[in-house]
Amino acid sequence: MSEAQRDPEVLGGTPVFRGTRVPVRTLIEYLEGGQTVVEFPSVRREQVIAVLDELTTQRVAKAG
């Protein structure tokens, strides 16, 4: 099961962490700002790692 989901009823379909209203984009901005996964609030560490894995897999598949 994917840890990210899109639902038109939640933030207009913006990808969010499953079961939350926390946008995946917020995680990317957080990491770009120099914060760590450990410091990311409101989402379990396992969810963050799973989403990062999913994003990496998607990027590799596009490049291949």
PDB file of N, CA and C in Angstrom:
ATOM      1  N   MET A   1       0.841  -1.184   0.000  1.00  0.00           N
ATOM      2  CA  MET A   1       0.000   0.000   0.000  1.00  0.00           C
ATOM      3  C   MET A   1       0.883   1.244   0.000  1.00  0.00           C
ATOM      4  N   SER A   2       0.495   2.174  -0.802  1.00  0.00           N
ATOM      5  CA  SER A   2       1.234   3.426  -0.889  1.00  0.00           C
ATOM      6  C   SER A   2       1.000   4.268   0.359  1.00  0.00           C
ATOM      7  N   GLU A   3       2.035   4.934   0.815  1.00  0.00           N
ATOM      8  CA  GLU A   3       1.901   5.823   1.976  1.00  0.00           C
ATOM      9  C   GLU A   3       1.485   7.226   1.567  1.00  0.00           C
ATOM     10  N   ALA A   4       1.426   7.482   0.251  1.00  0.00           N
ATOM     11  CA  ALA A   4       0.934   8.767  -0.242  1.00  0.00           C
ATOM     12  C   ALA A   4      -0.384   8.510  -0.953  1.00  0.00           C
ATOM     13  N   GLN A   5      -1.278   9.466  -0.858  1.00  0.00           N
ATOM     14  CA  GLN A   5      -2.564   9.310  -1.535  1.00  0.00           C
ATOM     15  C   GLN A   5      -3.024  10.639  -2.091  1.00  0.00           C
ATOM     16  N   ARG A   6      -3.870  10.567  -3.113  1.00  0.00           N
ATOM     17  CA  ARG A   6      -4.515  11.738  -3.695  1.00  0.00           C
ATOM     18  C   ARG A   6      -6.005  11.530  -3.578  1.00  0.00           C
ATOM     19  N   ASP A   7      -6.662  12.521  -3.062  1.00  0.00           N
ATOM     20  CA  ASP A   7      -8.116  12.476  -2.929  1.00  0.00           C
ATOM     21  C   ASP A   7      -8.634  13.872  -3.221  1.00  0.00           C
ATOM     22  N   PRO A   8      -9.529  14.011  -4.194  1.00  0.00           N
ATOM     23  CA  PRO A   8     -10.023  15.351  -4.520  1.00  0.00           C
ATOM     24  C   PRO A   8     -10.704  16.045  -3.339  1.00  0.00           C
ATOM     25  N   GLU A   9     -11.105  15.275  -2.352  1.00  0.00           N
ATOM     26  CA  GLU A   9     -11.756  15.840  -1.165  1.00  0.00           C
ATOM     27  C   GLU A   9     -10.749  16.306  -0.110  1.00  0.00           C
ATOM     28  N   VAL A  10      -9.476  15.958  -0.293  1.00  0.00           N
ATOM     29  CA  VAL A  10      -8.439  16.333   0.673  1.00  0.00           C
ATOM     30  C   VAL A  10      -7.450  17.256  -0.029  1.00  0.00           C
ATOM     31  N   LEU A  11      -7.429  18.510   0.382  1.00  0.00           N
ATOM     32  CA  LEU A  11      -6.524  19.518  -0.165  1.00  0.00           C
ATOM     33  C   LEU A  11      -6.562  19.564  -1.693  1.00  0.00           C
ATOM     34  N   GLY A  12      -7.747  19.377  -2.244  1.00  0.00           N
ATOM     35  CA  GLY A  12      -7.936  19.493  -3.690  1.00  0.00           C
ATOM     36  C   GLY A  12      -7.171  18.477  -4.515  1.00  0.00           C
ATOM     37  N   GLY A  13      -6.844  17.336  -3.939  1.00  0.00           N
ATOM     38  CA  GLY A  13      -6.140  16.291  -4.675  1.00  0.00           C
ATOM     39  C   GLY A  13      -4.628  16.355  -4.568  1.00  0.00           C
ATOM     40  N   THR A  14      -4.115  17.273  -3.767  1.00  0.00           N
ATOM     41  CA  THR A  14      -2.669  17.351  -3.526  1.00  0.00           C
ATOM     42  C   THR A  14      -2.212  16.047  -2.874  1.00  0.00           C
ATOM     43  N   PRO A  15      -1.107  15.446  -3.329  1.00  0.00           N
ATOM     44  CA  PRO A  15      -0.625  14.221  -2.671  1.00  0.00           C
ATOM     45  C   PRO A  15      -0.305  14.488  -1.197  1.00  0.00           C
ATOM     46  N   VAL A  16      -0.881  13.662  -0.338  1.00  0.00           N
ATOM     47  CA  VAL A  16      -0.665  13.771   1.108  1.00  0.00           C
ATOM     48  C   VAL A  16      -0.253  12.415   1.657  1.00  0.00           C
ATOM     49  N   PHE A  17       0.300  12.427   2.856  1.00  0.00           N
ATOM     50  CA  PHE A  17       0.601  11.180   3.541  1.00  0.00           C
ATOM     51  C   PHE A  17      -0.715  10.512   3.930  1.00  0.00           C
ATOM     52  N   ARG A  18      -0.825   9.221   3.652  1.00  0.00           N
ATOM     53  CA  ARG A  18      -2.048   8.465   3.920  1.00  0.00           C
ATOM     54  C   ARG A  18      -2.514   8.689   5.361  1.00  0.00           C
ATOM     55  N   GLY A  19      -3.797   9.008   5.497  1.00  0.00           N
ATOM     56  CA  GLY A  19      -4.390   9.192   6.812  1.00  0.00           C
ATOM     57  C   GLY A  19      -4.118  10.554   7.435  1.00  0.00           C
ATOM     58  N   THR A  20      -3.503  11.468   6.663  1.00  0.00           N
ATOM     59  CA  THR A  20      -3.204  12.801   7.188  1.00  0.00           C
ATOM     60  C   THR A  20      -3.632  13.852   6.170  1.00  0.00           C
ATOM     61  N   ARG A  21      -3.433  15.092   6.522  1.00  0.00           N
ATOM     62  CA  ARG A  21      -3.603  16.201   5.592  1.00  0.00           C
ATOM     63  C   ARG A  21      -2.250  16.888   5.365  1.00  0.00           C
ATOM     64  N   VAL A  22      -1.174  16.143   5.592  1.00  0.00           N
ATOM     65  CA  VAL A  22       0.178  16.667   5.434  1.00  0.00           C
ATOM     66  C   VAL A  22       0.634  16.417   3.990  1.00  0.00           C
ATOM     67  N   PRO A  23       0.821  17.482   3.212  1.00  0.00           N
ATOM     68  CA  PRO A  23       1.256  17.304   1.822  1.00  0.00           C
ATOM     69  C   PRO A  23       2.660  16.711   1.719  1.00  0.00           C
ATOM     70  N   VAL A  24       2.843  15.825   0.752  1.00  0.00           N
ATOM     71  CA  VAL A  24       4.158  15.239   0.504  1.00  0.00           C
ATOM     72  C   VAL A  24       5.141  16.356   0.156  1.00  0.00           C
ATOM     73  N   ARG A  25       4.684  17.377  -0.551  1.00  0.00           N
ATOM     74  CA  ARG A  25       5.539  18.510  -0.930  1.00  0.00           C
ATOM     75  C   ARG A  25       6.141  19.187   0.311  1.00  0.00           C
ATOM     76  N   THR A  26       5.416  19.190   1.401  1.00  0.00           N
ATOM     77  CA  THR A  26       5.918  19.773   2.647  1.00  0.00           C
ATOM     78  C   THR A  26       7.170  19.027   3.116  1.00  0.00           C
ATOM     79  N   LEU A  27       7.173  17.708   2.964  1.00  0.00           N
ATOM     80  CA  LEU A  27       8.352  16.921   3.323  1.00  0.00           C
ATOM     81  C   LEU A  27       9.547  17.334   2.465  1.00  0.00           C
ATOM     82  N   ILE A  28       9.332  17.464   1.157  1.00  0.00           N
ATOM     83  CA  ILE A  28      10.422  17.835   0.259  1.00  0.00           C
ATOM     84  C   ILE A  28      10.988  19.200   0.656  1.00  0.00           C
ATOM     85  N   GLU A  29      10.105  20.155   0.914  1.00  0.00           N
ATOM     86  CA  GLU A  29      10.546  21.498   1.320  1.00  0.00           C
ATOM     87  C   GLU A  29      11.290  21.445   2.652  1.00  0.00           C
ATOM     88  N   TYR A  30      10.814  20.627   3.553  1.00  0.00           N
ATOM     89  CA  TYR A  30      11.435  20.464   4.863  1.00  0.00           C
ATOM     90  C   TYR A  30      12.867  19.954   4.712  1.00  0.00           C
ATOM     91  N   LEU A  31      13.039  18.915   3.871  1.00  0.00           N
ATOM     92  CA  LEU A  31      14.366  18.347   3.651  1.00  0.00           C
ATOM     93  C   LEU A  31      15.268  19.332   2.916  1.00  0.00           C
ATOM     94  N   GLU A  32      14.721  20.042   1.938  1.00  0.00           N
ATOM     95  CA  GLU A  32      15.499  21.046   1.218  1.00  0.00           C
ATOM     96  C   GLU A  32      15.968  22.156   2.154  1.00  0.00           C
ATOM     97  N   GLY A  33      15.206  22.402   3.212  1.00  0.00           N
ATOM     98  CA  GLY A  33      15.564  23.430   4.176  1.00  0.00           C
ATOM     99  C   GLY A  33      16.604  22.984   5.190  1.00  0.00           C
ATOM    100  N   GLY A  34      17.082  21.734   5.052  1.00  0.00           N
ATOM    101  CA  GLY A  34      18.140  21.249   5.928  1.00  0.00           C
ATOM    102  C   GLY A  34      17.663  20.476   7.141  1.00  0.00           C
ATOM    103  N   GLN A  35      16.365  20.259   7.256  1.00  0.00           N
ATOM    104  CA  GLN A  35      15.836  19.474   8.372  1.00  0.00           C
ATOM    105  C   GLN A  35      16.031  17.993   8.075  1.00  0.00           C
ATOM    106  N   THR A  36      15.856  17.162   9.091  1.00  0.00           N
ATOM    107  CA  THR A  36      16.013  15.723   8.909  1.00  0.00           C
ATOM    108  C   THR A  36      14.663  15.025   8.985  1.00  0.00           C
ATOM    109  N   VAL A  37      14.639  13.795   8.523  1.00  0.00           N
ATOM    110  CA  VAL A  37      13.418  12.983   8.586  1.00  0.00           C
ATOM    111  C   VAL A  37      12.975  12.820  10.035  1.00  0.00           C
ATOM    112  N   VAL A  38      13.922  12.679  10.929  1.00  0.00           N
ATOM    113  CA  VAL A  38      13.613  12.505  12.352  1.00  0.00           C
ATOM    114  C   VAL A  38      12.851  13.712  12.890  1.00  0.00           C
ATOM    115  N   GLU A  39      13.147  14.890  12.362  1.00  0.00           N
ATOM    116  CA  GLU A  39      12.530  16.120  12.853  1.00  0.00           C
ATOM    117  C   GLU A  39      11.196  16.446  12.171  1.00  0.00           C
ATOM    118  N   PHE A  40      10.803  15.651  11.165  1.00  0.00           N
ATOM    119  CA  PHE A  40       9.582  15.960  10.424  1.00  0.00           C
ATOM    120  C   PHE A  40       8.366  15.643  11.288  1.00  0.00           C
ATOM    121  N   PRO A  41       7.510  16.645  11.557  1.00  0.00           N
ATOM    122  CA  PRO A  41       6.387  16.446  12.473  1.00  0.00           C
ATOM    123  C   PRO A  41       5.172  15.808  11.810  1.00  0.00           C
ATOM    124  N   SER A  42       4.303  15.250  12.614  1.00  0.00           N
ATOM    125  CA  SER A  42       2.957  14.817  12.223  1.00  0.00           C
ATOM    126  C   SER A  42       2.876  13.550  11.387  1.00  0.00           C
ATOM    127  N   VAL A  43       3.994  12.983  10.993  1.00  0.00           N
ATOM    128  CA  VAL A  43       3.994  11.793  10.150  1.00  0.00           C
ATOM    129  C   VAL A  43       5.015  10.814  10.729  1.00  0.00           C
ATOM    130  N   ARG A  44       4.646   9.539  10.744  1.00  0.00           N
ATOM    131  CA  ARG A  44       5.581   8.530  11.264  1.00  0.00           C
ATOM    132  C   ARG A  44       6.805   8.410  10.364  1.00  0.00           C
ATOM    133  N   ARG A  45       7.929   8.149  10.963  1.00  0.00           N
ATOM    134  CA  ARG A  45       9.196   7.997  10.230  1.00  0.00           C
ATOM    135  C   ARG A  45       9.059   6.942   9.139  1.00  0.00           C
ATOM    136  N   GLU A  46       8.360   5.845   9.435  1.00  0.00           N
ATOM    137  CA  GLU A  46       8.169   4.770   8.464  1.00  0.00           C
ATOM    138  C   GLU A  46       7.422   5.268   7.227  1.00  0.00           C
ATOM    139  N   GLN A  47       6.435   6.151   7.447  1.00  0.00           N
ATOM    140  CA  GLN A  47       5.694   6.719   6.322  1.00  0.00           C
ATOM    141  C   GLN A  47       6.614   7.580   5.462  1.00  0.00           C
ATOM    142  N   VAL A  48       7.428   8.384   6.101  1.00  0.00           N
ATOM    143  CA  VAL A  48       8.351   9.262   5.370  1.00  0.00           C
ATOM    144  C   VAL A  48       9.290   8.425   4.516  1.00  0.00           C
ATOM    145  N   ILE A  49       9.871   7.399   5.097  1.00  0.00           N
ATOM    146  CA  ILE A  49      10.811   6.551   4.360  1.00  0.00           C
ATOM    147  C   ILE A  49      10.110   5.850   3.206  1.00  0.00           C
ATOM    148  N   ALA A  50       8.895   5.354   3.432  1.00  0.00           N
ATOM    149  CA  ALA A  50       8.151   4.683   2.364  1.00  0.00           C
ATOM    150  C   ALA A  50       7.863   5.631   1.208  1.00  0.00           C
ATOM    151  N   VAL A  51       7.468   6.863   1.509  1.00  0.00           N
ATOM    152  CA  VAL A  51       7.192   7.834   0.445  1.00  0.00           C
ATOM    153  C   VAL A  51       8.470   8.183  -0.306  1.00  0.00           C
ATOM    154  N   LEU A  52       9.565   8.368   0.399  1.00  0.00           N
ATOM    155  CA  LEU A  52      10.836   8.648  -0.274  1.00  0.00           C
ATOM    156  C   LEU A  52      11.241   7.486  -1.180  1.00  0.00           C
ATOM    157  N   ASP A  53      11.019   6.264  -0.721  1.00  0.00           N
ATOM    158  CA  ASP A  53      11.306   5.087  -1.550  1.00  0.00           C
ATOM    159  C   ASP A  53      10.433   5.084  -2.807  1.00  0.00           C
ATOM    160  N   GLU A  54       9.148   5.388  -2.647  1.00  0.00           N
ATOM    161  CA  GLU A  54       8.224   5.438  -3.780  1.00  0.00           C
ATOM    162  C   GLU A  54       8.655   6.491  -4.793  1.00  0.00           C
ATOM    163  N   LEU A  55       9.021   7.673  -4.299  1.00  0.00           N
ATOM    164  CA  LEU A  55       9.453   8.752  -5.187  1.00  0.00           C
ATOM    165  C   LEU A  55      10.733   8.370  -5.935  1.00  0.00           C
ATOM    166  N   THR A  56      11.647   7.715  -5.245  1.00  0.00           N
ATOM    167  CA  THR A  56      12.891   7.283  -5.878  1.00  0.00           C
ATOM    168  C   THR A  56      12.602   6.252  -6.962  1.00  0.00           C
ATOM    169  N   THR A  57      11.740   5.299  -6.675  1.00  0.00           N
ATOM    170  CA  THR A  57      11.380   4.269  -7.648  1.00  0.00           C
ATOM    171  C   THR A  57      10.741   4.888  -8.888  1.00  0.00           C
ATOM    172  N   GLN A  58       9.845   5.845  -8.674  1.00  0.00           N
ATOM    173  CA  GLN A  58       9.190   6.527  -9.796  1.00  0.00           C
ATOM    174  C   GLN A  58      10.212   7.290 -10.643  1.00  0.00           C
ATOM    175  N   ARG A  59      11.139   7.948 -10.001  1.00  0.00           N
ATOM    176  CA  ARG A  59      12.149   8.742 -10.724  1.00  0.00           C
ATOM    177  C   ARG A  59      13.067   7.821 -11.535  1.00  0.00           C
ATOM    178  N   VAL A  60      13.471   6.702 -10.966  1.00  0.00           N
ATOM    179  CA  VAL A  60      14.332   5.751 -11.662  1.00  0.00           C
ATOM    180  C   VAL A  60      13.585   5.158 -12.865  1.00  0.00           C
ATOM    181  N   ALA A  61      12.319   4.837 -12.674  1.00  0.00           N
ATOM    182  CA  ALA A  61      11.525   4.260 -13.761  1.00  0.00           C
ATOM    183  C   ALA A  61      11.385   5.264 -14.920  1.00  0.00           C
ATOM    184  N   LYS A  62      11.212   6.541 -14.595  1.00  0.00           N
ATOM    185  CA  LYS A  62      11.117   7.566 -15.636  1.00  0.00           C
ATOM    186  C   LYS A  62      12.428   7.702 -16.387  1.00  0.00           C
ATOM    187  N   ALA A  63      13.538   7.616 -15.675  1.00  0.00           N
ATOM    188  CA  ALA A  63      14.852   7.800 -16.288  1.00  0.00           C
ATOM    189  C   ALA A  63      15.242   6.596 -17.154  1.00  0.00           C
ATOM    190  N   GLY A  64      14.719   5.422 -16.798  1.00  0.00           N
ATOM    191  CA  GLY A  64      15.104   4.201 -17.487  1.00  0.00           C
ATOM    192  C   GLY A  64      14.447   4.031 -18.772  1.00  0.00           C
TER     193      GLY A  64
END
